[in-house]
Amino acid sequence: MKKLKASIILLALGLIFSIGMMAQPPRPPLDLNSGGNQAPGGGPTGAPVEPGTGILLILAAAYGLYKMQELRKKSANA
């Protein structure tokens, strides 16, 4: 019962803190005639996706290899 309460509390805290991390809309340009989604200072808005995608693929491949190794060990012991 204590594990369930702790899990629910951790989940609730995670949800509460993640609300503040949601993406914000881009700021309007300083020069109204420039148009587009430009941040003040002229740089592009948004975050790059590439590094996160690469990390996700590497971790997924490592997890798949780990599971295959576990399966081989189980079949060798049986």
N, C-alpha and C. Protein backbone atom coordinates (compact mmCIF):
# COMPACT_ATOMS: atom_id res chain seq x y z
N MET A 1 0.82 -1.19 0.00
CA MET A 1 0.00 0.00 0.00
C MET A 1 0.87 1.26 0.00
N LYS A 2 2.00 1.20 0.75
CA LYS A 2 2.88 2.36 0.80
C LYS A 2 3.52 2.61 -0.56
N LYS A 3 3.84 1.54 -1.29
CA LYS A 3 4.43 1.70 -2.61
C LYS A 3 3.45 2.37 -3.56
N LEU A 4 2.19 2.01 -3.46
CA LEU A 4 1.17 2.60 -4.31
C LEU A 4 1.02 4.10 -4.02
N LYS A 5 0.98 4.46 -2.74
CA LYS A 5 0.88 5.87 -2.37
C LYS A 5 2.09 6.65 -2.86
N ALA A 6 3.28 6.07 -2.69
CA ALA A 6 4.50 6.75 -3.13
C ALA A 6 4.50 6.92 -4.64
N SER A 7 4.04 5.91 -5.36
CA SER A 7 3.98 6.00 -6.82
C SER A 7 3.01 7.09 -7.27
N ILE A 8 1.87 7.16 -6.62
CA ILE A 8 0.87 8.17 -6.98
C ILE A 8 1.39 9.56 -6.69
N ILE A 9 2.06 9.73 -5.55
CA ILE A 9 2.61 11.05 -5.19
C ILE A 9 3.68 11.46 -6.19
N LEU A 10 4.57 10.53 -6.55
CA LEU A 10 5.62 10.84 -7.52
C LEU A 10 5.03 11.18 -8.88
N LEU A 11 4.00 10.45 -9.29
CA LEU A 11 3.35 10.75 -10.57
C LEU A 11 2.71 12.13 -10.54
N ALA A 12 2.03 12.46 -9.45
CA ALA A 12 1.38 13.77 -9.34
C ALA A 12 2.42 14.89 -9.36
N LEU A 13 3.52 14.72 -8.63
CA LEU A 13 4.56 15.75 -8.63
C LEU A 13 5.18 15.90 -10.02
N GLY A 14 5.40 14.79 -10.68
CA GLY A 14 5.95 14.85 -12.03
C GLY A 14 5.03 15.59 -12.98
N LEU A 15 3.74 15.35 -12.87
CA LEU A 15 2.78 16.05 -13.74
C LEU A 15 2.72 17.54 -13.42
N ILE A 16 2.78 17.87 -12.15
CA ILE A 16 2.72 19.28 -11.75
C ILE A 16 3.93 20.03 -12.28
N PHE A 17 5.12 19.44 -12.11
CA PHE A 17 6.33 20.14 -12.55
C PHE A 17 6.47 20.14 -14.06
N SER A 18 5.90 19.17 -14.74
CA SER A 18 6.03 19.14 -16.19
C SER A 18 5.14 20.17 -16.88
N ILE A 19 4.12 20.65 -16.21
CA ILE A 19 3.25 21.66 -16.80
C ILE A 19 4.04 22.92 -17.11
N GLY A 20 4.98 23.29 -16.25
CA GLY A 20 5.78 24.47 -16.47
C GLY A 20 6.79 24.32 -17.59
N MET A 21 7.04 23.10 -18.03
CA MET A 21 8.03 22.85 -19.07
C MET A 21 7.44 22.84 -20.47
N MET A 22 6.16 23.06 -20.60
CA MET A 22 5.53 23.00 -21.92
C MET A 22 6.05 24.11 -22.82
N ALA A 23 6.03 23.86 -24.12
CA ALA A 23 6.57 24.81 -25.10
C ALA A 23 5.78 26.10 -25.09
N GLN A 24 6.51 27.17 -25.30
CA GLN A 24 5.91 28.50 -25.35
C GLN A 24 5.80 28.93 -26.81
N PRO A 25 4.81 29.73 -27.15
CA PRO A 25 4.71 30.23 -28.53
C PRO A 25 5.88 31.17 -28.83
N PRO A 26 6.27 31.29 -30.11
CA PRO A 26 7.37 32.18 -30.44
C PRO A 26 7.03 33.63 -30.16
N ARG A 27 8.05 34.39 -29.80
CA ARG A 27 7.85 35.81 -29.53
C ARG A 27 7.66 36.57 -30.84
N PRO A 28 6.88 37.62 -30.83
CA PRO A 28 6.70 38.39 -32.08
C PRO A 28 8.00 39.11 -32.43
N PRO A 29 8.24 39.34 -33.72
CA PRO A 29 9.47 40.03 -34.12
C PRO A 29 9.46 41.49 -33.65
N LEU A 30 10.64 42.02 -33.41
CA LEU A 30 10.73 43.43 -33.01
C LEU A 30 10.33 44.34 -34.14
N ASP A 31 10.74 43.99 -35.35
CA ASP A 31 10.39 44.77 -36.53
C ASP A 31 9.14 44.14 -37.14
N LEU A 32 8.02 44.83 -37.08
CA LEU A 32 6.77 44.26 -37.55
C LEU A 32 6.77 44.03 -39.05
N ASN A 33 7.66 44.65 -39.80
CA ASN A 33 7.72 44.47 -41.25
C ASN A 33 8.55 43.27 -41.66
N SER A 34 9.31 42.66 -40.71
CA SER A 34 10.18 41.54 -41.09
C SER A 34 9.40 40.25 -41.28
N GLY A 35 8.32 40.02 -40.53
CA GLY A 35 7.51 38.83 -40.67
C GLY A 35 8.23 37.57 -40.23
N GLY A 36 7.56 36.43 -40.28
CA GLY A 36 8.17 35.16 -39.94
C GLY A 36 8.29 34.94 -38.44
N ASN A 37 8.79 33.78 -38.08
CA ASN A 37 9.00 33.43 -36.68
C ASN A 37 10.44 33.71 -36.29
N GLN A 38 10.77 34.95 -36.09
CA GLN A 38 12.12 35.33 -35.69
C GLN A 38 12.10 35.79 -34.25
N ALA A 39 13.04 35.28 -33.49
CA ALA A 39 13.19 35.71 -32.11
C ALA A 39 13.90 37.05 -32.09
N PRO A 40 13.73 37.83 -31.04
CA PRO A 40 14.49 39.07 -30.95
C PRO A 40 15.98 38.78 -31.06
N GLY A 41 16.67 39.48 -31.90
CA GLY A 41 18.07 39.21 -32.15
C GLY A 41 18.26 38.55 -33.49
N GLY A 42 17.20 38.12 -34.14
CA GLY A 42 17.28 37.61 -35.49
C GLY A 42 17.48 36.11 -35.62
N GLY A 43 17.65 35.37 -34.54
CA GLY A 43 17.87 33.92 -34.63
C GLY A 43 16.58 33.17 -34.85
N PRO A 44 16.66 31.94 -35.38
CA PRO A 44 15.45 31.14 -35.56
C PRO A 44 14.91 30.65 -34.23
N THR A 45 13.62 30.42 -34.17
CA THR A 45 13.01 29.92 -32.93
C THR A 45 12.92 28.41 -32.98
N GLY A 46 12.69 27.81 -31.85
CA GLY A 46 12.54 26.36 -31.78
C GLY A 46 13.82 25.68 -31.33
N ALA A 47 13.71 24.40 -31.01
CA ALA A 47 14.85 23.62 -30.56
C ALA A 47 15.18 22.57 -31.61
N PRO A 48 16.45 22.22 -31.76
CA PRO A 48 16.81 21.17 -32.72
C PRO A 48 16.32 19.81 -32.24
N VAL A 49 15.90 18.98 -33.16
CA VAL A 49 15.36 17.67 -32.83
C VAL A 49 16.41 16.58 -33.00
N GLU A 50 17.38 16.79 -33.84
CA GLU A 50 18.34 15.77 -34.22
C GLU A 50 19.06 15.09 -33.05
N PRO A 51 19.66 15.81 -32.09
CA PRO A 51 20.39 15.11 -31.03
C PRO A 51 19.50 14.17 -30.21
N GLY A 52 18.29 14.60 -29.92
CA GLY A 52 17.38 13.77 -29.13
C GLY A 52 16.96 12.52 -29.87
N THR A 53 16.76 12.63 -31.18
CA THR A 53 16.38 11.48 -31.98
C THR A 53 17.50 10.45 -32.02
N GLY A 54 18.73 10.92 -32.18
CA GLY A 54 19.87 10.01 -32.20
C GLY A 54 20.04 9.28 -30.88
N ILE A 55 19.91 10.01 -29.78
CA ILE A 55 20.03 9.38 -28.46
C ILE A 55 18.94 8.35 -28.27
N LEU A 56 17.71 8.66 -28.67
CA LEU A 56 16.60 7.73 -28.54
C LEU A 56 16.86 6.45 -29.34
N LEU A 57 17.37 6.58 -30.56
CA LEU A 57 17.66 5.40 -31.37
C LEU A 57 18.77 4.55 -30.77
N ILE A 58 19.80 5.19 -30.25
CA ILE A 58 20.90 4.45 -29.62
C ILE A 58 20.40 3.69 -28.38
N LEU A 59 19.62 4.34 -27.55
CA LEU A 59 19.09 3.68 -26.36
C LEU A 59 18.14 2.54 -26.71
N ALA A 60 17.33 2.72 -27.74
CA ALA A 60 16.41 1.65 -28.17
C ALA A 60 17.20 0.45 -28.68
N ALA A 61 18.25 0.69 -29.45
CA ALA A 61 19.07 -0.41 -29.95
C ALA A 61 19.76 -1.14 -28.81
N ALA A 62 20.28 -0.40 -27.83
CA ALA A 62 20.95 -1.02 -26.68
C ALA A 62 19.96 -1.87 -25.88
N TYR A 63 18.75 -1.36 -25.69
CA TYR A 63 17.74 -2.11 -24.95
C TYR A 63 17.35 -3.38 -25.71
N GLY A 64 17.21 -3.28 -27.02
CA GLY A 64 16.88 -4.45 -27.82
C GLY A 64 17.97 -5.50 -27.76
N LEU A 65 19.23 -5.09 -27.82
CA LEU A 65 20.35 -6.03 -27.70
C LEU A 65 20.37 -6.69 -26.32
N TYR A 66 20.09 -5.92 -25.29
CA TYR A 66 20.04 -6.47 -23.93
C TYR A 66 18.94 -7.53 -23.81
N LYS A 67 17.78 -7.24 -24.35
CA LYS A 67 16.67 -8.20 -24.28
C LYS A 67 16.98 -9.46 -25.09
N MET A 68 17.63 -9.31 -26.25
CA MET A 68 18.00 -10.49 -27.04
C MET A 68 19.00 -11.35 -26.28
N GLN A 69 19.94 -10.72 -25.58
CA GLN A 69 20.92 -11.46 -24.80
C GLN A 69 20.24 -12.21 -23.66
N GLU A 70 19.28 -11.57 -22.99
CA GLU A 70 18.54 -12.25 -21.94
C GLU A 70 17.79 -13.46 -22.47
N LEU A 71 17.17 -13.30 -23.64
CA LEU A 71 16.41 -14.39 -24.25
C LEU A 71 17.32 -15.56 -24.60
N ARG A 72 18.51 -15.26 -25.11
CA ARG A 72 19.47 -16.33 -25.43
C ARG A 72 19.92 -17.06 -24.18
N LYS A 73 20.14 -16.33 -23.10
CA LYS A 73 20.55 -16.98 -21.85
C LYS A 73 19.46 -17.89 -21.32
N LYS A 74 18.20 -17.45 -21.41
CA LYS A 74 17.09 -18.27 -20.93
C LYS A 74 16.95 -19.54 -21.77
N SER A 75 17.10 -19.41 -23.10
CA SER A 75 16.95 -20.58 -23.96
C SER A 75 18.13 -21.53 -23.80
N ALA A 76 19.32 -21.03 -23.45
CA ALA A 76 20.48 -21.90 -23.25
C ALA A 76 20.35 -22.67 -21.93
N ASN A 77 19.73 -22.06 -20.93
CA ASN A 77 19.56 -22.72 -19.63
C ASN A 77 18.40 -23.70 -19.61
N ALA A 78 17.49 -23.59 -20.54
CA ALA A 78 16.30 -24.45 -20.54
C ALA A 78 16.56 -25.81 -21.11
